[in-house]
N, C-alpha and C. Protein backbone atom coordinates (compact mmCIF):
# COMPACT_ATOMS: atom_id res chain seq x y z
N MET A 1 0.84 -1.16 0.00
CA MET A 1 0.00 0.00 0.00
C MET A 1 0.89 1.23 0.00
N PRO A 2 0.68 2.16 -0.91
CA PRO A 2 1.52 3.36 -0.96
C PRO A 2 1.30 4.25 0.27
N ARG A 3 2.37 4.84 0.72
CA ARG A 3 2.29 5.76 1.85
C ARG A 3 1.66 7.06 1.38
N GLN A 4 0.70 7.56 2.12
CA GLN A 4 0.02 8.80 1.78
C GLN A 4 0.64 9.98 2.52
N ARG A 5 0.49 11.15 1.93
CA ARG A 5 0.90 12.37 2.61
C ARG A 5 -0.17 12.69 3.65
N VAL A 6 0.26 12.91 4.89
CA VAL A 6 -0.67 13.14 5.99
C VAL A 6 -0.20 14.37 6.78
N VAL A 7 -1.07 15.35 6.96
CA VAL A 7 -0.77 16.48 7.82
C VAL A 7 -1.03 16.02 9.26
N LEU A 8 0.04 15.92 10.04
CA LEU A 8 -0.08 15.45 11.41
C LEU A 8 -0.47 16.57 12.37
N VAL A 9 0.24 17.70 12.25
CA VAL A 9 0.03 18.84 13.14
C VAL A 9 -0.02 20.10 12.27
N ASP A 10 -0.97 20.98 12.56
CA ASP A 10 -1.08 22.24 11.84
C ASP A 10 -1.25 23.36 12.85
N GLN A 11 -0.31 24.31 12.86
CA GLN A 11 -0.32 25.42 13.80
C GLN A 11 -0.40 24.94 15.25
N GLY A 12 0.31 23.84 15.55
CA GLY A 12 0.36 23.33 16.91
C GLY A 12 -0.81 22.46 17.33
N VAL A 13 -1.72 22.18 16.41
CA VAL A 13 -2.91 21.38 16.72
C VAL A 13 -2.82 20.05 15.97
N VAL A 14 -2.98 18.93 16.70
CA VAL A 14 -2.96 17.62 16.07
C VAL A 14 -4.16 17.50 15.14
N LYS A 15 -3.91 17.12 13.88
CA LYS A 15 -4.97 17.02 12.87
C LYS A 15 -5.26 15.58 12.46
N ASN A 16 -4.23 14.74 12.38
CA ASN A 16 -4.40 13.38 11.88
C ASN A 16 -3.40 12.45 12.55
N LEU A 17 -3.68 11.17 12.44
CA LEU A 17 -2.76 10.11 12.84
C LEU A 17 -2.46 9.26 11.62
N VAL A 18 -1.38 8.48 11.69
CA VAL A 18 -1.10 7.54 10.60
C VAL A 18 -1.54 6.15 11.04
N PHE A 19 -1.94 5.33 10.04
CA PHE A 19 -2.47 4.00 10.34
C PHE A 19 -1.91 2.96 9.39
N SER A 20 -1.54 1.82 9.97
CA SER A 20 -1.26 0.63 9.17
C SER A 20 -2.62 0.01 8.84
N ARG A 21 -2.63 -1.04 8.02
CA ARG A 21 -3.91 -1.72 7.76
C ARG A 21 -4.53 -2.26 9.04
N ARG A 22 -3.68 -2.85 9.87
CA ARG A 22 -4.18 -3.45 11.12
C ARG A 22 -4.75 -2.39 12.07
N SER A 23 -3.98 -1.30 12.30
CA SER A 23 -4.47 -0.29 13.25
C SER A 23 -5.68 0.45 12.68
N ALA A 24 -5.74 0.61 11.36
CA ALA A 24 -6.90 1.26 10.75
C ALA A 24 -8.15 0.42 10.96
N LYS A 25 -8.02 -0.88 10.81
CA LYS A 25 -9.17 -1.77 11.03
C LYS A 25 -9.64 -1.66 12.48
N GLU A 26 -8.70 -1.66 13.41
CA GLU A 26 -9.06 -1.55 14.83
C GLU A 26 -9.71 -0.21 15.16
N ALA A 27 -9.27 0.86 14.47
CA ALA A 27 -9.81 2.20 14.73
C ALA A 27 -11.05 2.52 13.88
N GLY A 28 -11.38 1.63 12.95
CA GLY A 28 -12.53 1.88 12.09
C GLY A 28 -12.32 3.00 11.10
N THR A 29 -11.10 3.08 10.58
CA THR A 29 -10.77 4.13 9.61
C THR A 29 -9.98 3.52 8.45
N LYS A 30 -9.48 4.36 7.57
CA LYS A 30 -8.72 3.88 6.41
C LYS A 30 -7.22 3.90 6.70
N PRO A 31 -6.48 2.93 6.17
CA PRO A 31 -5.02 2.93 6.36
C PRO A 31 -4.38 4.06 5.55
N THR A 32 -3.26 4.55 6.07
CA THR A 32 -2.52 5.62 5.39
C THR A 32 -1.23 5.12 4.75
N GLY A 33 -0.95 3.81 4.91
CA GLY A 33 0.25 3.25 4.31
C GLY A 33 1.50 3.43 5.14
N HIS A 34 1.34 3.67 6.43
CA HIS A 34 2.49 3.94 7.28
C HIS A 34 2.88 2.77 8.17
N GLY A 35 2.44 1.56 7.85
CA GLY A 35 2.82 0.39 8.64
C GLY A 35 4.16 -0.16 8.18
N PHE A 36 4.85 -0.81 9.09
CA PHE A 36 6.07 -1.53 8.74
C PHE A 36 5.69 -2.96 8.35
N ALA A 37 6.58 -3.64 7.64
CA ALA A 37 6.32 -5.02 7.24
C ALA A 37 6.07 -5.89 8.46
N LEU A 38 5.10 -6.79 8.34
CA LEU A 38 4.77 -7.70 9.45
C LEU A 38 5.64 -8.95 9.39
N PRO A 39 5.93 -9.61 10.46
CA PRO A 39 5.59 -9.20 11.82
C PRO A 39 6.58 -8.14 12.31
N ASN A 40 6.09 -7.22 13.13
CA ASN A 40 6.97 -6.24 13.75
C ASN A 40 6.37 -5.80 15.07
N GLU A 41 7.20 -5.26 15.92
CA GLU A 41 6.74 -4.80 17.22
C GLU A 41 6.49 -3.30 17.24
N TYR A 42 6.65 -2.63 16.09
CA TYR A 42 6.62 -1.18 16.06
C TYR A 42 5.28 -0.59 15.64
N GLY A 43 4.46 -1.35 14.93
CA GLY A 43 3.18 -0.80 14.46
C GLY A 43 3.39 0.08 13.25
N GLU A 44 3.12 1.36 13.41
CA GLU A 44 3.26 2.29 12.30
C GLU A 44 4.01 3.54 12.76
N ALA A 45 4.48 4.28 11.79
CA ALA A 45 5.20 5.51 12.11
C ALA A 45 5.15 6.44 10.91
N ALA A 46 5.08 7.71 11.22
CA ALA A 46 5.17 8.72 10.16
C ALA A 46 6.64 8.84 9.77
N LEU A 47 6.93 8.66 8.50
CA LEU A 47 8.30 8.76 8.00
C LEU A 47 8.38 9.91 7.02
N ASN A 48 9.59 10.29 6.67
CA ASN A 48 9.82 11.40 5.74
C ASN A 48 9.10 12.65 6.22
N LEU A 49 9.38 13.03 7.45
CA LEU A 49 8.72 14.17 8.07
C LEU A 49 9.13 15.48 7.42
N VAL A 50 8.20 16.39 7.33
CA VAL A 50 8.45 17.76 6.87
C VAL A 50 7.89 18.68 7.94
N VAL A 51 8.75 19.50 8.53
CA VAL A 51 8.35 20.44 9.57
C VAL A 51 8.59 21.85 9.02
N ALA A 52 7.53 22.66 9.00
CA ALA A 52 7.68 24.03 8.52
C ALA A 52 8.61 24.79 9.45
N GLY A 53 9.41 25.64 8.90
CA GLY A 53 10.36 26.39 9.70
C GLY A 53 9.91 27.80 9.97
N GLY A 54 10.82 28.56 10.54
CA GLY A 54 10.58 29.96 10.84
C GLY A 54 11.62 30.81 10.13
N LYS A 55 11.86 31.98 10.68
CA LYS A 55 12.77 32.93 10.03
C LYS A 55 13.99 33.27 10.87
N THR A 56 14.11 32.68 12.06
CA THR A 56 15.22 33.02 12.95
C THR A 56 16.48 32.26 12.53
N SER A 57 17.58 32.99 12.35
CA SER A 57 18.84 32.33 11.98
C SER A 57 19.47 31.69 13.21
N VAL A 58 20.36 30.74 12.99
CA VAL A 58 21.08 30.12 14.11
C VAL A 58 21.89 31.17 14.85
N ASP A 59 22.49 32.11 14.12
CA ASP A 59 23.24 33.20 14.78
C ASP A 59 22.34 34.02 15.70
N GLU A 60 21.11 34.28 15.27
CA GLU A 60 20.16 35.02 16.13
C GLU A 60 19.76 34.18 17.35
N MET A 61 19.62 32.87 17.15
CA MET A 61 19.29 32.00 18.28
C MET A 61 20.41 32.03 19.32
N ILE A 62 21.65 31.96 18.84
CA ILE A 62 22.82 32.01 19.73
C ILE A 62 22.85 33.34 20.46
N ALA A 63 22.67 34.44 19.73
CA ALA A 63 22.74 35.78 20.32
C ALA A 63 21.67 35.99 21.39
N SER A 64 20.55 35.30 21.29
CA SER A 64 19.46 35.47 22.25
C SER A 64 19.54 34.49 23.42
N THR A 65 20.67 33.78 23.55
CA THR A 65 20.83 32.76 24.59
C THR A 65 21.85 33.23 25.62
N ASP A 66 21.44 33.32 26.89
CA ASP A 66 22.37 33.69 27.96
C ASP A 66 23.33 32.55 28.25
N ARG A 67 22.79 31.34 28.42
CA ARG A 67 23.62 30.16 28.66
C ARG A 67 22.89 28.96 28.09
N GLY A 68 23.58 28.20 27.26
CA GLY A 68 22.96 27.04 26.64
C GLY A 68 23.98 26.23 25.87
N LEU A 69 23.48 25.30 25.09
CA LEU A 69 24.33 24.44 24.27
C LEU A 69 23.92 24.54 22.81
N LEU A 70 24.90 24.61 21.93
CA LEU A 70 24.67 24.54 20.50
C LEU A 70 24.95 23.11 20.08
N VAL A 71 23.90 22.40 19.69
CA VAL A 71 24.00 21.00 19.28
C VAL A 71 24.04 20.97 17.75
N THR A 72 25.09 20.38 17.19
CA THR A 72 25.18 20.32 15.73
C THR A 72 24.66 19.01 15.15
N ARG A 73 24.60 17.96 16.00
CA ARG A 73 24.11 16.67 15.50
C ARG A 73 23.70 15.77 16.66
N LEU A 74 22.60 15.05 16.46
CA LEU A 74 22.18 14.01 17.39
C LEU A 74 22.28 12.68 16.67
N TRP A 75 22.63 11.62 17.40
CA TRP A 75 22.73 10.30 16.76
C TRP A 75 22.39 9.21 17.77
N TYR A 76 22.34 8.00 17.27
CA TYR A 76 22.02 6.81 18.05
C TYR A 76 20.72 7.04 18.82
N ILE A 77 19.73 7.57 18.14
CA ILE A 77 18.44 7.90 18.77
C ILE A 77 17.57 6.66 18.81
N ARG A 78 17.05 6.37 20.00
CA ARG A 78 16.20 5.21 20.21
C ARG A 78 14.99 5.61 21.05
N GLU A 79 13.88 4.91 20.84
CA GLU A 79 12.68 5.18 21.63
C GLU A 79 12.77 4.44 22.96
N VAL A 80 12.53 5.15 24.05
CA VAL A 80 12.54 4.58 25.40
C VAL A 80 11.12 4.27 25.85
N ASP A 81 10.21 5.18 25.59
CA ASP A 81 8.81 5.02 26.03
C ASP A 81 7.89 5.43 24.88
N PRO A 82 7.23 4.45 24.24
CA PRO A 82 6.40 4.77 23.08
C PRO A 82 5.14 5.57 23.43
N TYR A 83 4.69 5.50 24.66
CA TYR A 83 3.46 6.21 25.04
C TYR A 83 3.73 7.68 25.34
N GLU A 84 4.85 7.96 25.99
CA GLU A 84 5.22 9.34 26.30
C GLU A 84 6.12 9.93 25.22
N LYS A 85 6.50 9.10 24.23
CA LYS A 85 7.40 9.50 23.14
C LYS A 85 8.74 10.00 23.67
N ILE A 86 9.28 9.27 24.65
CA ILE A 86 10.59 9.61 25.20
C ILE A 86 11.65 8.92 24.35
N MET A 87 12.61 9.72 23.91
CA MET A 87 13.71 9.24 23.08
C MET A 87 15.01 9.41 23.86
N THR A 88 15.99 8.57 23.55
CA THR A 88 17.33 8.73 24.08
C THR A 88 18.29 8.76 22.91
N GLY A 89 19.42 9.36 23.12
CA GLY A 89 20.45 9.45 22.09
C GLY A 89 21.62 10.26 22.60
N MET A 90 22.51 10.65 21.70
CA MET A 90 23.70 11.39 22.09
C MET A 90 23.98 12.50 21.10
N THR A 91 24.71 13.50 21.59
CA THR A 91 25.21 14.53 20.69
C THR A 91 26.47 13.99 20.02
N ARG A 92 26.81 14.57 18.89
CA ARG A 92 27.98 14.09 18.16
C ARG A 92 28.45 15.17 17.19
N ASP A 93 29.75 15.17 16.90
CA ASP A 93 30.35 16.03 15.87
C ASP A 93 30.20 17.51 16.16
N GLY A 94 30.29 17.89 17.41
CA GLY A 94 30.30 19.30 17.75
C GLY A 94 29.20 19.70 18.71
N LEU A 95 29.58 19.92 19.95
CA LEU A 95 28.68 20.43 20.97
C LEU A 95 29.41 21.61 21.61
N PHE A 96 28.73 22.76 21.65
CA PHE A 96 29.41 23.98 22.06
C PHE A 96 28.63 24.70 23.15
N LEU A 97 29.36 25.26 24.11
CA LEU A 97 28.75 26.05 25.17
C LEU A 97 28.49 27.46 24.66
N ILE A 98 27.28 27.97 24.93
CA ILE A 98 26.93 29.35 24.61
C ILE A 98 26.85 30.10 25.93
N GLU A 99 27.56 31.23 26.01
CA GLU A 99 27.51 32.09 27.18
C GLU A 99 27.38 33.53 26.73
N ASN A 100 26.41 34.24 27.31
CA ASN A 100 26.19 35.66 27.01
C ASN A 100 26.04 35.92 25.51
N GLY A 101 25.30 35.03 24.83
CA GLY A 101 25.00 35.25 23.42
C GLY A 101 26.11 34.93 22.45
N LYS A 102 27.16 34.23 22.93
CA LYS A 102 28.28 33.87 22.05
C LYS A 102 28.71 32.43 22.33
N VAL A 103 29.18 31.75 21.28
CA VAL A 103 29.76 30.42 21.46
C VAL A 103 31.09 30.61 22.16
N SER A 104 31.24 30.01 23.35
CA SER A 104 32.46 30.25 24.13
C SER A 104 33.49 29.14 24.02
N LYS A 105 33.04 27.87 23.92
CA LYS A 105 34.01 26.78 23.80
C LYS A 105 33.30 25.48 23.44
N ALA A 106 34.09 24.53 22.97
CA ALA A 106 33.58 23.18 22.71
C ALA A 106 33.43 22.48 24.05
N THR A 107 32.52 21.52 24.11
CA THR A 107 32.31 20.77 25.34
C THR A 107 32.15 19.29 25.02
N ARG A 108 32.16 18.45 26.05
CA ARG A 108 32.00 17.01 25.88
C ARG A 108 30.60 16.70 25.39
N ASN A 109 30.46 15.58 24.73
CA ASN A 109 29.15 15.14 24.26
C ASN A 109 28.29 14.67 25.43
N PHE A 110 26.97 14.74 25.23
CA PHE A 110 26.01 14.34 26.25
C PHE A 110 25.04 13.31 25.71
N ARG A 111 24.51 12.50 26.62
CA ARG A 111 23.35 11.64 26.35
C ARG A 111 22.12 12.45 26.73
N PHE A 112 21.02 12.21 26.02
CA PHE A 112 19.76 12.87 26.38
C PHE A 112 18.66 11.84 26.55
N ASN A 113 17.68 12.18 27.35
CA ASN A 113 16.42 11.45 27.50
C ASN A 113 15.35 12.53 27.45
N GLN A 114 14.56 12.53 26.38
CA GLN A 114 13.67 13.66 26.15
C GLN A 114 12.38 13.20 25.49
N SER A 115 11.26 13.65 26.05
CA SER A 115 9.98 13.44 25.39
C SER A 115 9.89 14.39 24.20
N VAL A 116 9.61 13.85 23.04
CA VAL A 116 9.46 14.67 21.84
C VAL A 116 8.29 15.64 22.02
N LEU A 117 7.23 15.18 22.68
CA LEU A 117 6.06 16.04 22.91
C LEU A 117 6.42 17.23 23.79
N GLU A 118 7.16 16.98 24.87
CA GLU A 118 7.60 18.07 25.75
C GLU A 118 8.57 18.99 25.01
N MET A 119 9.48 18.40 24.23
CA MET A 119 10.42 19.20 23.48
C MET A 119 9.70 20.18 22.56
N LEU A 120 8.69 19.70 21.86
CA LEU A 120 7.96 20.57 20.93
C LEU A 120 7.20 21.66 21.66
N ARG A 121 6.76 21.40 22.90
CA ARG A 121 6.11 22.45 23.69
C ARG A 121 7.10 23.52 24.12
N ASN A 122 8.40 23.19 24.14
CA ASN A 122 9.42 24.12 24.62
C ASN A 122 10.21 24.80 23.50
N VAL A 123 9.73 24.73 22.27
CA VAL A 123 10.40 25.41 21.17
C VAL A 123 10.21 26.91 21.31
N GLU A 124 11.30 27.66 21.33
CA GLU A 124 11.23 29.11 21.43
C GLU A 124 11.27 29.78 20.07
N CYS A 125 12.03 29.23 19.14
CA CYS A 125 12.06 29.79 17.78
C CYS A 125 12.59 28.75 16.80
N LEU A 126 12.28 28.97 15.54
CA LEU A 126 12.64 28.06 14.46
C LEU A 126 13.38 28.81 13.36
N GLY A 127 14.35 28.12 12.76
CA GLY A 127 15.02 28.66 11.59
C GLY A 127 14.37 28.11 10.33
N PRO A 128 14.88 28.49 9.16
CA PRO A 128 14.34 27.95 7.92
C PRO A 128 14.55 26.44 7.82
N ALA A 129 13.54 25.72 7.37
CA ALA A 129 13.61 24.26 7.25
C ALA A 129 14.66 23.86 6.23
N GLN A 130 15.33 22.73 6.49
CA GLN A 130 16.34 22.21 5.57
C GLN A 130 16.33 20.68 5.59
N ARG A 131 16.77 20.09 4.50
CA ARG A 131 16.80 18.63 4.38
C ARG A 131 17.88 18.08 5.31
N ALA A 132 17.53 17.01 6.01
CA ALA A 132 18.47 16.38 6.94
C ALA A 132 18.32 14.87 6.85
N ALA A 133 19.39 14.14 7.07
CA ALA A 133 19.37 12.68 7.12
C ALA A 133 20.61 12.21 7.84
N GLY A 134 20.51 11.07 8.45
CA GLY A 134 21.65 10.48 9.12
C GLY A 134 21.81 9.05 8.67
N GLU A 135 22.89 8.41 9.13
CA GLU A 135 23.12 7.03 8.70
C GLU A 135 22.10 6.07 9.28
N GLU A 136 21.40 6.46 10.36
CA GLU A 136 20.42 5.57 10.95
C GLU A 136 19.00 6.09 10.79
N ALA A 137 18.79 7.15 10.08
CA ALA A 137 17.48 7.79 10.04
C ALA A 137 16.96 7.91 8.61
N PHE A 138 15.67 8.13 8.53
CA PHE A 138 15.05 8.44 7.25
C PHE A 138 15.25 9.92 6.96
N GLU A 139 15.11 10.29 5.71
CA GLU A 139 15.25 11.70 5.36
C GLU A 139 14.08 12.49 5.89
N MET A 140 14.36 13.75 6.23
CA MET A 140 13.31 14.64 6.70
C MET A 140 13.69 16.07 6.35
N VAL A 141 12.73 16.95 6.43
CA VAL A 141 12.96 18.38 6.25
C VAL A 141 12.57 19.02 7.58
N VAL A 142 13.54 19.58 8.28
CA VAL A 142 13.31 20.15 9.60
C VAL A 142 14.08 21.45 9.77
N PRO A 143 13.59 22.32 10.64
CA PRO A 143 14.32 23.57 10.90
C PRO A 143 15.25 23.43 12.09
N PRO A 144 16.29 24.27 12.18
CA PRO A 144 17.00 24.37 13.44
C PRO A 144 16.03 24.94 14.48
N MET A 145 16.18 24.51 15.73
CA MET A 145 15.24 24.91 16.79
C MET A 145 16.00 25.41 18.01
N LYS A 146 15.46 26.42 18.65
CA LYS A 146 15.94 26.82 19.97
C LYS A 146 14.92 26.26 20.95
N ILE A 147 15.39 25.38 21.84
CA ILE A 147 14.51 24.65 22.75
C ILE A 147 14.98 24.90 24.18
N ARG A 148 14.07 25.30 25.04
CA ARG A 148 14.42 25.49 26.45
C ARG A 148 14.18 24.17 27.21
N GLU A 149 14.97 23.96 28.25
CA GLU A 149 14.80 22.83 29.17
C GLU A 149 14.87 21.47 28.50
N PHE A 150 15.79 21.30 27.56
CA PHE A 150 16.04 20.01 26.94
C PHE A 150 16.76 19.14 27.98
N HIS A 151 16.41 17.87 28.08
CA HIS A 151 16.91 17.00 29.16
C HIS A 151 18.16 16.22 28.76
N PHE A 152 19.33 16.79 29.02
CA PHE A 152 20.58 16.05 28.90
C PHE A 152 20.80 15.32 30.21
N SER A 153 21.16 14.02 30.14
CA SER A 153 21.21 13.23 31.36
C SER A 153 22.62 12.96 31.88
N GLU A 154 23.62 12.87 30.99
CA GLU A 154 24.97 12.57 31.45
C GLU A 154 25.97 12.85 30.33
N VAL A 155 27.22 13.03 30.73
CA VAL A 155 28.30 13.20 29.77
C VAL A 155 28.62 11.82 29.19
N THR A 156 28.89 11.76 27.89
CA THR A 156 29.24 10.48 27.28
C THR A 156 30.73 10.21 27.47
N LYS A 157 31.17 9.00 27.11
CA LYS A 157 32.55 8.60 27.34
C LYS A 157 33.47 8.88 26.16
N PHE A 158 32.96 9.52 25.13
CA PHE A 158 33.81 9.82 23.98
C PHE A 158 33.85 11.30 23.73
């Protein structure tokens, strides 16, 4: 079944869900083509995400930050809790301390444990959307984000 384009969230309001054939039957609706091959323990997932961006540049995000971290890449992202949408992963290839609106120095990488839902509630500003992909991820179009209260849990060993 071909995957359909589905608007999941519009202006911060949930509009639709994605359904495999099995979950659509259980919900009494039509499948959207977002199921994984059976058998699987994952159900369905929205892939090839496109998130509309904003107009704030990364330089402006840095300048508006008293103290924070500039994350250039996240990797080894795994789901910890499918109901709360808590993900874990690590920073990689450049993590920098921001102090008084300027990048002050490089820092050690961190592990994070973060609910995607909570993260999206804490977005302060967005940059222009751009294509992104990693060696373990599907392609997506996402903006750089300034997020308050992101949950880093520990320094990594590399």
